[in-house]
Amino acid sequence: MKNQVSFQTALHHLMALSGGFMGGYALFSRADVFGSSQTANMIMLVSAILGRSPSDVLLRVGALLCYVFGVALSEWLLHRTRLHNLHILSILLDIAALIVLGMTTEAIHPVLALYPFFFVTAFQWCSFGSINGYSSSTIFSTNNLRQTVAAFTNYCCTKNRKQLEKSLFFGGTLLFYHCGAALSWFAYHYFGAVGAWIGILPLLLNLGLAGHEWITSRAVDDWDLRNLKNKVLSKSLSND
């Protein structure tokens, strides 16, 4: 159990590295537009409506719909299909988005160029949003910062080891996220738009870990199923 928790924590932190890369790359390469949330976009949507700019309204609504679709699709897949773990699919979508963005000219409007990011980061947030009882985002850092500071302050006041563990978990997520952001800075400043493809490298590692997670979970499910069948068979024989 402890090994499983450590494995899930490692995967979560590495996904935060990828989330930081995508967030940083969007800011550095697309005129300071953050492609991992909708707060700024929705404020600018209000500004476009009040300023009576139909083209900007359509552009911002499109970005909002991409984000909404990412959230809705993740929930639909969990409830309407046999997929109970979206990790692999989320990573593949991230890779596809980075490939597309690396091929997208910087002359395109930054918000339009980031449509793939709006979609896949929302999907990633829903796929990797909760771990070990903690609600922690891998695509932005404000809540992770709050949780780190609050948990560490609680530990200082109460000496509760669980609060220290919580602070280290969220602090680790913050650290990996901003390491990803630093990597994106180097990727963009040395390689330009195609620097987005550098972000595929950590995602390939994450894909391997997620694949291992899926294989392990299938093995456990098969073992549980065999145990259940044996118990039913034993009970049937004893009744005979």
Protein backbone atom coordinates (compact mmCIF):
# COMPACT_ATOMS: atom_id res chain seq x y z
CA MET A 1 0.00 0.00 0.00
CA LYS A 2 2.81 2.39 0.92
CA ASN A 3 4.57 1.64 -2.38
CA GLN A 4 1.35 2.34 -4.28
CA VAL A 5 0.93 5.71 -2.55
CA SER A 6 4.56 6.61 -3.34
CA PHE A 7 4.05 5.60 -6.98
CA GLN A 8 0.88 7.68 -7.31
CA THR A 9 2.60 10.65 -5.69
CA ALA A 10 5.52 10.39 -8.12
CA LEU A 11 3.15 10.25 -11.10
CA HIS A 12 1.19 13.23 -9.77
CA HIS A 13 4.32 15.31 -9.28
CA LEU A 14 5.63 14.46 -12.75
CA MET A 15 2.28 15.46 -14.23
CA ALA A 16 2.62 18.75 -12.36
CA LEU A 17 5.97 19.17 -14.15
CA SER A 18 4.15 18.77 -17.47
CA GLY A 19 1.38 21.10 -16.31
CA GLY A 20 3.97 23.72 -15.41
CA PHE A 21 5.62 23.31 -18.79
CA MET A 22 2.36 23.88 -20.67
CA GLY A 23 1.39 26.81 -18.47
CA GLY A 24 4.78 28.46 -18.82
CA TYR A 25 5.04 27.79 -22.55
CA ALA A 26 1.63 29.37 -23.15
CA LEU A 27 2.64 32.51 -21.25
CA PHE A 28 6.09 32.84 -22.82
CA SER A 29 5.10 32.11 -26.41
CA ARG A 30 1.57 33.49 -26.69
CA ALA A 31 1.60 37.08 -25.43
CA ASP A 32 1.20 36.22 -21.72
CA VAL A 33 -2.03 34.29 -22.27
CA PHE A 34 -2.40 31.53 -19.66
CA GLY A 35 -3.77 28.42 -21.36
CA SER A 36 -4.54 26.38 -18.24
CA SER A 37 -7.46 28.24 -16.69
CA GLN A 38 -10.46 30.38 -17.58
CA THR A 39 -10.33 33.17 -14.99
CA ALA A 40 -8.57 35.73 -17.19
CA ASN A 41 -10.40 34.57 -20.33
CA MET A 42 -13.84 35.00 -18.73
CA ILE A 43 -12.92 38.47 -17.44
CA MET A 44 -11.79 39.42 -20.94
CA LEU A 45 -15.04 37.95 -22.28
CA VAL A 46 -16.98 40.36 -20.08
CA SER A 47 -14.74 43.18 -21.35
CA ALA A 48 -15.42 42.15 -24.97
CA ILE A 49 -19.18 42.07 -24.37
CA LEU A 50 -19.20 45.49 -22.71
CA GLY A 51 -16.83 46.87 -25.35
CA ARG A 52 -19.09 45.52 -28.10
CA SER A 53 -16.39 43.54 -29.88
CA PRO A 54 -18.21 40.61 -31.53
CA SER A 55 -15.05 39.00 -32.94
CA ASP A 56 -13.36 39.03 -29.53
CA VAL A 57 -16.53 37.69 -27.90
CA LEU A 58 -16.56 34.74 -30.31
CA LEU A 59 -12.85 34.12 -29.72
CA ARG A 60 -13.27 34.10 -25.93
CA VAL A 61 -16.43 31.99 -26.03
CA GLY A 62 -14.58 29.47 -28.19
CA ALA A 63 -11.80 29.22 -25.57
CA LEU A 64 -14.40 28.80 -22.83
CA LEU A 65 -16.17 26.04 -24.75
CA CYS A 66 -12.89 24.17 -25.26
CA TYR A 67 -12.35 24.19 -21.51
CA VAL A 68 -15.94 23.20 -20.76
CA PHE A 69 -15.73 20.35 -23.28
CA GLY A 70 -12.55 19.04 -21.61
CA VAL A 71 -14.28 18.87 -18.23
CA ALA A 72 -17.51 17.44 -19.64
CA LEU A 73 -15.75 14.77 -21.71
CA SER A 74 -13.75 13.51 -18.73
CA GLU A 75 -16.91 13.15 -16.65
CA TRP A 76 -18.83 11.52 -19.50
CA LEU A 77 -16.09 8.94 -20.07
CA LEU A 78 -16.04 8.02 -16.38
CA HIS A 79 -19.81 7.59 -16.19
CA ARG A 80 -20.72 6.24 -19.63
CA THR A 81 -17.78 4.01 -20.57
CA ARG A 82 -15.67 1.31 -18.97
CA LEU A 83 -12.79 3.73 -18.50
CA HIS A 84 -12.20 4.24 -14.79
CA ASN A 85 -8.70 5.65 -15.16
CA LEU A 86 -8.14 8.50 -17.62
CA HIS A 87 -4.42 8.94 -16.98
CA ILE A 88 -3.15 7.40 -20.22
CA LEU A 89 -5.73 9.18 -22.36
CA SER A 90 -4.96 12.51 -20.68
CA ILE A 91 -1.24 12.14 -21.35
CA LEU A 92 -1.84 11.23 -25.00
CA LEU A 93 -4.05 14.32 -25.40
CA ASP A 94 -1.33 16.49 -23.85
CA ILE A 95 1.22 15.11 -26.32
CA ALA A 96 -1.12 15.81 -29.24
CA ALA A 97 -1.71 19.39 -28.06
CA LEU A 98 2.04 20.06 -27.79
CA ILE A 99 2.60 18.69 -31.29
CA VAL A 100 -0.14 20.93 -32.70
CA LEU A 101 1.07 24.03 -30.85
CA GLY A 102 4.64 23.46 -32.00
CA MET A 103 3.41 23.56 -35.59
CA THR A 104 1.21 26.64 -35.09
CA THR A 105 2.64 29.90 -36.35
CA GLU A 106 3.08 32.68 -33.79
CA ALA A 107 1.21 35.03 -36.14
CA ILE A 108 -2.11 33.44 -35.11
CA HIS A 109 -4.06 35.16 -32.34
CA PRO A 110 -2.66 33.79 -29.04
CA VAL A 111 -6.05 32.83 -27.64
CA LEU A 112 -6.99 30.93 -30.80
CA ALA A 113 -3.60 29.20 -30.86
CA LEU A 114 -4.15 27.97 -27.30
CA TYR A 115 -7.51 26.28 -27.95
CA PRO A 116 -5.85 22.82 -27.73
CA PHE A 117 -4.30 23.75 -24.38
CA PHE A 118 -7.62 24.96 -22.98
CA PHE A 119 -9.13 21.58 -23.80
CA VAL A 120 -6.35 19.23 -22.67
CA THR A 121 -5.47 21.07 -19.46
CA ALA A 122 -9.11 20.93 -18.37
CA PHE A 123 -9.11 17.21 -19.14
CA GLN A 124 -5.85 16.76 -17.22
CA TRP A 125 -7.21 18.65 -14.22
CA CYS A 126 -10.14 16.24 -13.98
CA SER A 127 -7.94 13.19 -14.59
CA PHE A 128 -5.22 14.02 -12.05
CA GLY A 129 -7.12 16.28 -9.66
CA SER A 130 -7.30 14.03 -6.60
CA ILE A 131 -4.73 11.74 -5.00
CA ASN A 132 -4.36 10.12 -1.57
CA GLY A 133 -7.31 12.10 -0.26
CA TYR A 134 -5.80 15.41 -1.40
CA SER A 135 -7.39 17.68 -3.99
CA SER A 136 -4.39 18.99 -5.90
CA SER A 137 -4.26 20.48 -9.38
CA THR A 138 -1.39 19.69 -11.75
CA ILE A 139 -2.18 22.58 -14.10
CA PHE A 140 -1.94 25.64 -11.83
CA SER A 141 -0.50 26.45 -8.45
CA THR A 142 -2.56 28.88 -6.33
CA ASN A 143 -4.43 26.23 -4.33
CA ASN A 144 -1.26 24.16 -3.98
CA LEU A 145 0.48 27.19 -2.50
CA ARG A 146 -2.39 27.79 -0.07
CA GLN A 147 -2.44 24.14 1.00
CA THR A 148 1.33 24.06 1.48
CA VAL A 149 1.39 27.14 3.70
CA ALA A 150 -1.77 26.19 5.65
CA ALA A 151 -0.62 22.62 6.32
CA PHE A 152 2.88 23.70 7.37
CA THR A 153 1.45 26.39 9.67
CA ASN A 154 -0.85 23.78 11.20
CA TYR A 155 2.12 21.47 11.73
CA CYS A 156 4.07 24.25 13.47
CA CYS A 157 1.10 24.86 15.77
CA THR A 158 0.05 21.25 16.48
CA LYS A 159 3.11 19.09 15.61
CA ASN A 160 0.72 16.81 13.73
CA ARG A 161 2.86 14.68 11.39
CA LYS A 162 -0.01 14.30 8.92
CA GLN A 163 -0.02 18.04 8.40
CA LEU A 164 3.70 17.94 7.67
CA GLU A 165 3.17 15.13 5.15
CA LYS A 166 0.39 17.15 3.55
CA SER A 167 2.61 20.23 3.34
CA LEU A 168 5.40 18.20 1.73
CA PHE A 169 3.00 16.70 -0.82
CA PHE A 170 1.59 20.06 -1.93
CA GLY A 171 5.04 21.67 -1.71
CA GLY A 172 6.39 18.92 -3.96
CA THR A 173 3.63 19.60 -6.47
CA LEU A 174 4.57 23.29 -6.44
CA LEU A 175 8.26 22.50 -6.91
CA PHE A 176 7.70 20.18 -9.88
CA TYR A 177 5.21 22.59 -11.44
CA HIS A 178 7.68 25.45 -11.46
CA CYS A 179 10.52 23.20 -12.62
CA GLY A 180 8.28 22.52 -15.61
CA ALA A 181 7.76 26.26 -16.06
CA ALA A 182 11.53 26.79 -15.99
CA LEU A 183 11.99 24.05 -18.60
CA SER A 184 9.45 25.77 -20.86
CA TRP A 185 11.38 29.05 -20.58
CA PHE A 186 14.53 27.40 -21.88
CA ALA A 187 12.56 25.46 -24.53
CA TYR A 188 10.95 28.59 -25.95
CA HIS A 189 13.93 30.92 -25.71
CA TYR A 190 16.29 28.46 -27.40
CA PHE A 191 13.95 26.75 -29.88
CA GLY A 192 11.03 29.14 -30.39
CA ALA A 193 7.57 27.76 -31.17
CA VAL A 194 8.80 24.21 -31.77
CA GLY A 195 10.14 24.26 -28.21
CA ALA A 196 6.69 22.98 -27.30
CA TRP A 197 7.90 19.56 -28.42
CA ILE A 198 10.45 19.51 -25.57
CA GLY A 199 7.45 19.12 -23.27
CA ILE A 200 6.72 15.74 -24.86
CA LEU A 201 9.81 14.20 -23.20
CA PRO A 202 8.52 14.23 -19.59
CA LEU A 203 5.11 13.16 -20.88
CA LEU A 204 6.67 10.03 -22.39
CA LEU A 205 8.03 9.15 -18.94
CA ASN A 206 4.59 9.81 -17.48
CA LEU A 207 3.06 7.61 -20.16
CA GLY A 208 5.32 4.75 -19.10
CA LEU A 209 4.35 5.20 -15.45
CA ALA A 210 0.65 5.42 -16.31
CA GLY A 211 0.97 2.27 -18.41
CA HIS A 212 2.58 0.46 -15.49
CA GLU A 213 -0.22 1.72 -13.24
CA TRP A 214 -2.85 0.38 -15.66
CA ILE A 215 -1.18 -3.04 -15.98
CA THR A 216 -0.84 -3.32 -12.20
CA SER A 217 -4.47 -2.37 -11.62
CA ARG A 218 -5.62 -4.94 -14.19
CA ALA A 219 -3.55 -7.62 -12.48
CA VAL A 220 -5.08 -6.73 -9.11
CA ASP A 221 -8.59 -6.77 -10.60
CA ASP A 222 -7.96 -10.21 -12.15
CA TRP A 223 -6.62 -11.51 -8.83
CA ASP A 224 -9.69 -10.18 -6.98
CA LEU A 225 -11.99 -11.75 -9.59
CA ARG A 226 -10.29 -15.13 -9.25
CA ASN A 227 -10.58 -14.92 -5.46
CA LEU A 228 -14.28 -14.08 -5.73
CA LYS A 229 -14.90 -17.01 -8.09
CA ASN A 230 -13.04 -19.38 -5.75
CA LYS A 231 -15.08 -18.19 -2.77
CA VAL A 232 -18.35 -18.68 -4.68
CA LEU A 233 -17.23 -22.14 -5.82
CA SER A 234 -16.17 -23.15 -2.30
CA LYS A 235 -19.45 -21.94 -0.85
CA SER A 236 -21.37 -23.86 -3.53
CA LEU A 237 -19.45 -27.06 -2.81
CA SER A 238 -19.93 -26.72 0.93
CA ASN A 239 -23.67 -26.27 0.44
CA ASP A 240 -23.73 -29.47 -1.63
